[in-house]
Amino acid sequence: MFSAQACIQHIIPKTRPDFSREGSAFAPVNIALIKYWGKRDTELNLPVTDSLSIGLRTLGTRTRIRWTEGEDNISLNGELLPSDNAFVKRTRQYLHYFRPNPSLGFIIDTHNDVPTGAGLASSASGYAALVLALNDLCQWQLNKTQLSILARIGSGSASRSLWNGLVHWHAGTQADGMDSYATPITHQLPSLRVGLLTLSRKTKPISSRLGMQQTVHGLSLYPAWKPMVEQHLSRLQTAIAAQDIAQIGAISEHNALSMHATMLSASPALCYFLPETIATLQTLWQARSEGLACWATLDAGPNVKLLFDAHEEAAVTACFPKVSIVQPFG
């Protein structure tokens, strides 16, 4: 079994800390159209299946980082976090891979445009921004494939947050994970709109990491997931090439609901939905039966993302007045 430490040290060059430097970066939130759910290696965050996402370019994480002597100092959205905070503990554990010696720490100031840990992909943009900022600080000059692998070790979905637009994360087959990274897709969908419905800003009670383990090992419908993803991915790639927003939306919604079905079938059952989530989906389905061309996707959390064509924007806003609409392609 390969360790995360060994994989990272294989990628990053040896450099001396320059205490006069500061690294900074922005990484976009990405919304998975074909979901990542389940790992073949938990330490390296190697997925069971490929996935495909869309980066939101105007929403994400901005991170600044510099060296310090001693303990890490981590601020989130302007608030200095205590050392026993769960976000700090997980970030420090990841940063240990990059310290030239144990006495060196990092001062990190990071800002998320979306709620943290609420199923809006903040960890994906967060770890991607952190890796890009480390690359800037340490002057590694790594390419995007190498950076995608490093980001993946922090959070699987972070492998896709190095790019705007459509991104394909390849599951790979190698035990060391060196063939598991994301690549951008050249197709553009200028008329696609993504609507964000933030139904809860609270941190979800069960992390995606633990939720995957519970689903995969919980005597669920999970064995059907991999062949279903392969079918969905193939169909979605065809729809993207044809710029067929309706098919893109329909496939994405089916994939998302299929993922949540595997969670519900686990023992014990896992459900990220709130009553507001169900009510939102029912409103959407009723509106769609009346002619609204709009579809939903949901990650591991209660919040709903809408997919629709630009000409439906007024109708979507009328149906969901609190929706925040993003144009992924400028």
Protein backbone atom coordinates (compact mmCIF):
# COMPACT_ATOMS: atom_id res chain seq x y z
CA MET A 1 0.00 0.00 0.00
CA PHE A 2 1.33 3.43 -0.93
CA SER A 3 1.33 6.23 1.63
CA ALA A 4 0.24 9.80 1.00
CA GLN A 5 3.60 11.01 2.30
CA ALA A 6 5.52 8.90 -0.23
CA CYS A 7 3.32 10.03 -3.13
CA ILE A 8 3.67 13.70 -2.21
CA GLN A 9 7.42 13.51 -1.76
CA HIS A 10 7.64 11.85 -5.16
CA ILE A 11 5.98 14.91 -6.72
CA ILE A 12 7.30 17.99 -4.94
CA PRO A 13 10.89 19.16 -5.42
CA LYS A 14 13.11 19.91 -2.45
CA THR A 15 13.23 23.65 -1.81
CA ARG A 16 14.39 25.88 1.02
CA PRO A 17 11.78 28.06 2.71
CA ASP A 18 11.97 31.72 1.70
CA PHE A 19 10.52 33.57 4.69
CA SER A 20 10.11 36.74 2.65
CA ARG A 21 7.60 35.13 0.28
CA GLU A 22 3.85 34.85 0.47
CA GLY A 23 1.77 32.51 -1.63
CA SER A 24 -1.77 33.22 -2.77
CA ALA A 25 -4.35 31.57 -5.00
CA PHE A 26 -8.00 31.29 -5.95
CA ALA A 27 -9.76 28.03 -6.82
CA PRO A 28 -13.38 27.73 -7.97
CA VAL A 29 -16.13 25.69 -6.39
CA ASN A 30 -16.99 22.75 -8.62
CA ILE A 31 -20.41 21.14 -8.90
CA ALA A 32 -20.29 17.46 -9.86
CA LEU A 33 -22.64 16.46 -12.66
CA ILE A 34 -21.45 12.86 -12.38
CA LYS A 35 -20.76 12.27 -8.69
CA TYR A 36 -17.72 10.97 -6.82
CA TRP A 37 -18.98 8.58 -4.15
CA GLY A 38 -16.78 5.78 -2.82
CA LYS A 39 -13.03 5.20 -2.55
CA ARG A 40 -10.76 2.32 -3.47
CA ASP A 41 -8.05 3.82 -1.23
CA THR A 42 -9.02 6.06 1.67
CA GLU A 43 -5.57 7.51 2.41
CA LEU A 44 -4.91 8.57 -1.18
CA ASN A 45 -8.57 9.43 -1.90
CA LEU A 46 -8.62 7.20 -4.96
CA PRO A 47 -12.17 6.97 -6.33
CA VAL A 48 -14.08 3.89 -7.41
CA THR A 49 -15.36 5.68 -10.52
CA ASP A 50 -14.61 8.63 -12.79
CA SER A 51 -16.55 11.84 -12.19
CA LEU A 52 -17.31 15.02 -14.11
CA SER A 53 -17.91 18.51 -12.78
CA ILE A 54 -18.34 22.14 -13.71
CA GLY A 55 -16.32 24.91 -12.04
CA LEU A 56 -18.25 28.06 -11.10
CA ARG A 57 -15.40 30.54 -11.74
CA THR A 58 -16.92 33.43 -9.72
CA LEU A 59 -17.38 31.41 -6.51
CA GLY A 60 -14.64 29.62 -4.65
CA THR A 61 -11.84 29.94 -2.11
CA ARG A 62 -9.13 32.59 -1.83
CA THR A 63 -6.10 31.60 0.23
CA ARG A 64 -2.93 33.38 1.34
CA ILE A 65 -0.10 31.50 3.03
CA ARG A 66 3.33 32.28 4.49
CA TRP A 67 5.91 30.64 6.73
CA THR A 68 6.21 30.99 10.48
CA GLU A 69 8.26 29.46 13.25
CA GLY A 70 6.22 27.16 15.45
CA GLU A 71 2.53 26.32 15.34
CA ASP A 72 0.22 26.86 12.38
CA ASN A 73 -2.05 29.89 12.49
CA ILE A 74 -5.24 29.37 10.47
CA SER A 75 -8.00 31.92 9.82
CA LEU A 76 -11.26 31.19 8.01
CA ASN A 77 -13.37 34.07 6.68
CA GLY A 78 -11.54 36.54 8.91
CA GLU A 79 -11.82 34.48 12.11
CA LEU A 80 -8.74 32.99 13.77
CA LEU A 81 -9.69 29.39 14.56
CA PRO A 82 -8.72 27.57 17.78
CA SER A 83 -6.33 24.63 17.58
CA ASP A 84 -9.04 22.12 18.55
CA ASN A 85 -11.31 23.16 15.66
CA ALA A 86 -12.08 20.24 13.30
CA PHE A 87 -11.23 22.35 10.21
CA VAL A 88 -7.86 23.28 11.75
CA LYS A 89 -7.05 19.69 12.72
CA ARG A 90 -7.73 18.38 9.23
CA THR A 91 -5.81 21.21 7.56
CA ARG A 92 -2.80 20.74 9.85
CA GLN A 93 -2.75 17.04 9.20
CA TYR A 94 -2.51 17.77 5.47
CA LEU A 95 0.12 20.50 5.95
CA HIS A 96 2.40 18.04 7.78
CA TYR A 97 3.20 16.49 4.40
CA PHE A 98 4.83 19.74 3.24
CA ARG A 99 6.90 20.90 6.22
CA PRO A 100 10.68 20.82 5.60
CA ASN A 101 11.06 20.27 9.34
CA PRO A 102 8.63 19.90 12.29
CA SER A 103 9.52 23.31 13.77
CA LEU A 104 8.11 25.23 10.78
CA GLY A 105 4.48 26.24 10.54
CA PHE A 106 2.20 28.16 8.20
CA ILE A 107 0.08 31.27 8.58
CA ILE A 108 -3.02 30.75 6.47
CA ASP A 109 -5.82 33.18 5.72
CA THR A 110 -8.60 31.60 3.68
CA HIS A 111 -12.00 32.87 2.57
CA ASN A 112 -14.88 30.77 1.20
CA ASP A 113 -17.61 32.27 -0.97
CA VAL A 114 -19.97 29.44 0.04
CA PRO A 115 -20.80 27.97 3.48
CA THR A 116 -18.11 25.62 4.80
CA GLY A 117 -18.98 21.95 5.16
CA ALA A 118 -22.60 22.33 4.04
CA GLY A 119 -22.53 20.30 0.82
CA LEU A 120 -21.56 23.18 -1.47
CA ALA A 121 -18.07 21.87 -2.35
CA SER A 122 -16.13 24.22 -0.05
CA SER A 123 -13.56 21.52 0.77
CA ALA A 124 -12.87 21.01 -2.95
CA SER A 125 -12.12 24.67 -3.64
CA GLY A 126 -10.40 24.96 -0.25
CA TYR A 127 -7.80 22.25 -0.81
CA ALA A 128 -7.29 23.25 -4.44
CA ALA A 129 -6.61 26.86 -3.38
CA LEU A 130 -4.29 25.64 -0.62
CA VAL A 131 -2.25 23.51 -3.04
CA LEU A 132 -2.02 26.36 -5.55
CA ALA A 133 -0.94 28.76 -2.79
CA LEU A 134 1.69 26.27 -1.57
CA ASN A 135 2.98 25.94 -5.13
CA ASP A 136 3.29 29.74 -5.23
CA LEU A 137 4.89 29.98 -1.78
CA CYS A 138 7.41 27.17 -2.27
CA GLN A 139 8.05 27.91 -5.96
CA TRP A 140 7.63 24.27 -6.93
CA GLN A 141 6.52 25.18 -10.47
CA LEU A 142 4.44 22.02 -10.73
CA ASN A 143 2.09 21.34 -13.64
CA LYS A 144 -1.67 21.03 -13.28
CA THR A 145 -1.60 17.21 -13.33
CA GLN A 146 0.79 17.12 -10.38
CA LEU A 147 -1.20 19.78 -8.53
CA SER A 148 -4.43 17.86 -9.16
CA ILE A 149 -2.90 14.77 -7.51
CA LEU A 150 -1.75 16.80 -4.50
CA ALA A 151 -5.18 18.41 -4.15
CA ARG A 152 -6.86 15.00 -4.43
CA ILE A 153 -4.92 13.72 -1.41
CA GLY A 154 -6.38 16.59 0.62
CA SER A 155 -9.95 16.16 -0.65
CA GLY A 156 -10.92 13.97 -3.57
CA SER A 157 -13.15 16.53 -5.28
CA ALA A 158 -10.38 19.13 -4.98
CA SER A 159 -8.65 17.41 -7.89
CA ARG A 160 -11.32 18.99 -10.12
CA SER A 161 -11.17 22.53 -8.66
CA LEU A 162 -8.02 23.67 -10.45
CA TRP A 163 -10.03 24.70 -13.52
CA ASN A 164 -13.13 26.65 -14.47
CA GLY A 165 -15.66 24.99 -16.74
CA LEU A 166 -16.07 21.28 -17.37
CA VAL A 167 -13.57 18.92 -15.76
CA HIS A 168 -13.17 15.13 -15.90
CA TRP A 169 -11.57 13.32 -12.95
CA HIS A 170 -10.09 10.00 -14.09
CA ALA A 171 -10.33 7.30 -11.43
CA GLY A 172 -7.18 5.55 -12.61
CA THR A 173 -6.11 2.00 -11.81
CA GLN A 174 -2.59 2.33 -10.36
CA ALA A 175 -2.13 1.55 -6.67
CA ASP A 176 0.00 4.67 -6.16
CA GLY A 177 -2.69 6.93 -7.64
CA MET A 178 -0.41 8.62 -10.15
CA ASP A 179 -2.98 8.08 -12.90
CA SER A 180 -5.87 9.47 -10.84
CA TYR A 181 -6.15 13.17 -11.66
CA ALA A 182 -8.46 15.62 -13.37
CA THR A 183 -8.26 17.18 -16.83
CA PRO A 184 -10.28 20.05 -18.32
CA ILE A 185 -12.83 19.43 -21.08
CA THR A 186 -12.62 21.81 -24.01
CA HIS A 187 -16.38 21.98 -24.71
CA GLN A 188 -18.10 25.20 -23.70
CA LEU A 189 -21.76 25.55 -22.69
CA PRO A 190 -22.32 29.31 -22.89
CA SER A 191 -26.09 29.09 -22.34
CA LEU A 192 -25.88 26.86 -19.25
CA ARG A 193 -26.87 28.44 -15.95
CA VAL A 194 -26.37 27.02 -12.45
CA GLY A 195 -28.73 28.11 -9.70
CA LEU A 196 -27.68 27.74 -6.06
CA LEU A 197 -30.37 27.24 -3.43
CA THR A 198 -28.74 27.46 -0.01
CA LEU A 199 -31.29 25.81 2.26
CA SER A 200 -28.91 25.39 5.21
CA ARG A 201 -25.55 26.94 6.11
CA LYS A 202 -24.91 24.52 8.96
CA THR A 203 -22.04 22.04 8.82
CA LYS A 204 -23.51 18.67 7.88
CA PRO A 205 -23.56 16.17 10.76
CA ILE A 206 -21.72 13.44 8.82
CA SER A 207 -18.82 14.39 6.56
CA SER A 208 -18.66 13.13 2.99
CA ARG A 209 -15.61 11.10 3.97
CA LEU A 210 -17.50 9.20 6.67
CA GLY A 211 -20.66 9.09 4.58
CA MET A 212 -18.86 7.28 1.77
CA GLN A 213 -17.52 4.66 4.16
CA GLN A 214 -20.97 4.12 5.66
CA THR A 215 -22.51 3.68 2.20
CA VAL A 216 -19.81 1.45 0.72
CA HIS A 217 -19.61 -0.87 3.74
CA GLY A 218 -23.23 -0.67 4.89
CA LEU A 219 -24.84 -3.51 2.88
CA SER A 220 -26.40 -0.97 0.53
CA LEU A 221 -27.30 -0.78 -3.15
CA TYR A 222 -23.75 0.48 -3.73
CA PRO A 223 -22.66 -2.43 -5.99
CA ALA A 224 -24.98 -1.00 -8.67
CA TRP A 225 -23.29 2.41 -8.46
CA LYS A 226 -20.18 1.81 -10.60
CA PRO A 227 -21.92 0.42 -13.72
CA MET A 228 -24.55 3.15 -13.41
CA VAL A 229 -21.87 5.88 -13.31
CA GLU A 230 -20.17 4.44 -16.38
CA GLN A 231 -23.48 4.62 -18.26
CA HIS A 232 -24.29 8.13 -17.01
CA LEU A 233 -20.80 9.41 -17.86
CA SER A 234 -20.95 8.12 -21.42
CA ARG A 235 -24.39 9.65 -21.98
CA LEU A 236 -23.37 12.95 -20.40
CA GLN A 237 -20.29 13.26 -22.59
CA THR A 238 -22.49 12.81 -25.66
CA ALA A 239 -24.94 15.45 -24.37
CA ILE A 240 -22.11 17.91 -23.67
CA ALA A 241 -20.72 17.48 -27.19
CA ALA A 242 -24.21 18.18 -28.55
CA GLN A 243 -24.71 21.13 -26.13
CA ASP A 244 -28.00 19.51 -25.10
CA ILE A 245 -28.83 21.29 -21.82
CA ALA A 246 -31.99 19.22 -21.28
CA GLN A 247 -30.09 15.94 -21.47
CA ILE A 248 -27.26 17.30 -19.33
CA GLY A 249 -29.77 18.29 -16.67
CA ALA A 250 -31.75 15.05 -16.79
CA ILE A 251 -28.65 12.82 -16.57
CA SER A 252 -27.15 14.91 -13.77
CA GLU A 253 -30.37 14.79 -11.73
CA HIS A 254 -30.67 11.02 -12.15
CA ASN A 255 -27.05 10.54 -11.14
CA ALA A 256 -27.43 12.70 -8.02
CA LEU A 257 -30.62 11.01 -6.87
CA SER A 258 -29.08 7.59 -7.54
CA MET A 259 -26.17 8.52 -5.26
CA HIS A 260 -28.56 9.56 -2.49
CA ALA A 261 -30.52 6.34 -3.01
CA THR A 262 -27.40 4.30 -2.23
CA MET A 263 -27.05 6.29 1.01
CA LEU A 264 -30.67 5.65 2.01
CA SER A 265 -30.20 1.94 1.35
CA ALA A 266 -27.21 1.68 3.71
CA SER A 267 -27.53 0.14 7.15
CA PRO A 268 -27.73 2.36 9.10
CA ALA A 269 -29.40 4.62 6.54
CA LEU A 270 -27.74 7.91 5.65
CA CYS A 271 -29.84 10.91 4.61
CA TYR A 272 -28.50 14.43 4.01
CA PHE A 273 -31.88 15.82 2.97
CA LEU A 274 -33.81 18.26 5.13
CA PRO A 275 -37.58 18.79 4.81
CA GLU A 276 -36.72 21.92 2.80
CA THR A 277 -34.73 19.76 0.36
CA ILE A 278 -37.70 17.50 -0.33
CA ALA A 279 -40.04 20.50 -0.63
CA THR A 280 -37.67 22.14 -3.13
CA LEU A 281 -37.47 19.01 -5.26
CA GLN A 282 -41.24 18.60 -5.24
CA THR A 283 -41.67 22.23 -6.30
CA LEU A 284 -39.18 21.68 -9.11
CA TRP A 285 -40.82 18.50 -10.35
CA GLN A 286 -44.27 20.12 -10.32
CA ALA A 287 -42.93 23.13 -12.24
CA ARG A 288 -41.22 20.82 -14.72
CA SER A 289 -44.47 18.95 -15.31
CA GLU A 290 -45.92 22.35 -16.23
CA GLY A 291 -43.18 23.11 -18.74
CA LEU A 292 -40.17 24.50 -16.80
CA ALA A 293 -36.96 23.08 -18.32
CA CYS A 294 -34.89 22.88 -15.15
CA TRP A 295 -33.16 20.03 -13.31
CA ALA A 296 -31.54 19.52 -9.91
CA THR A 297 -28.30 18.12 -8.61
CA LEU A 298 -27.30 17.62 -4.98
CA ASP A 299 -24.01 16.74 -3.37
CA ALA A 300 -23.66 15.20 0.11
CA GLY A 301 -25.69 17.84 1.87
CA PRO A 302 -29.15 19.43 1.91
CA ASN A 303 -28.55 22.23 -0.57
CA VAL A 304 -29.91 22.09 -4.12
CA LYS A 305 -28.23 23.19 -7.34
CA LEU A 306 -30.33 23.86 -10.44
CA LEU A 307 -29.28 23.35 -14.07
CA PHE A 308 -31.09 25.19 -16.86
CA ASP A 309 -30.71 27.15 -20.09
CA ALA A 310 -30.33 30.93 -20.04
CA HIS A 311 -33.77 31.47 -21.60
CA GLU A 312 -35.35 29.85 -18.51
CA GLU A 313 -33.69 32.27 -16.08
CA ALA A 314 -36.76 34.46 -15.48
CA ALA A 315 -39.03 31.45 -14.99
CA VAL A 316 -36.57 29.80 -12.58
CA THR A 317 -36.29 33.00 -10.56
CA ALA A 318 -40.08 33.28 -10.40
CA CYS A 319 -40.31 29.71 -9.12
CA PHE A 320 -37.37 30.03 -6.70
CA PRO A 321 -37.04 33.71 -5.67
CA LYS A 322 -34.03 33.05 -3.42
CA VAL A 323 -31.95 31.34 -6.11
CA SER A 324 -28.44 32.68 -6.79
CA ILE A 325 -27.64 32.23 -10.49
CA VAL A 326 -24.14 31.64 -11.81
CA GLN A 327 -22.98 31.79 -15.42
CA PRO A 328 -20.14 29.22 -15.52
CA PHE A 329 -18.95 30.20 -18.99
CA GLY A 330 -18.18 33.85 -19.61
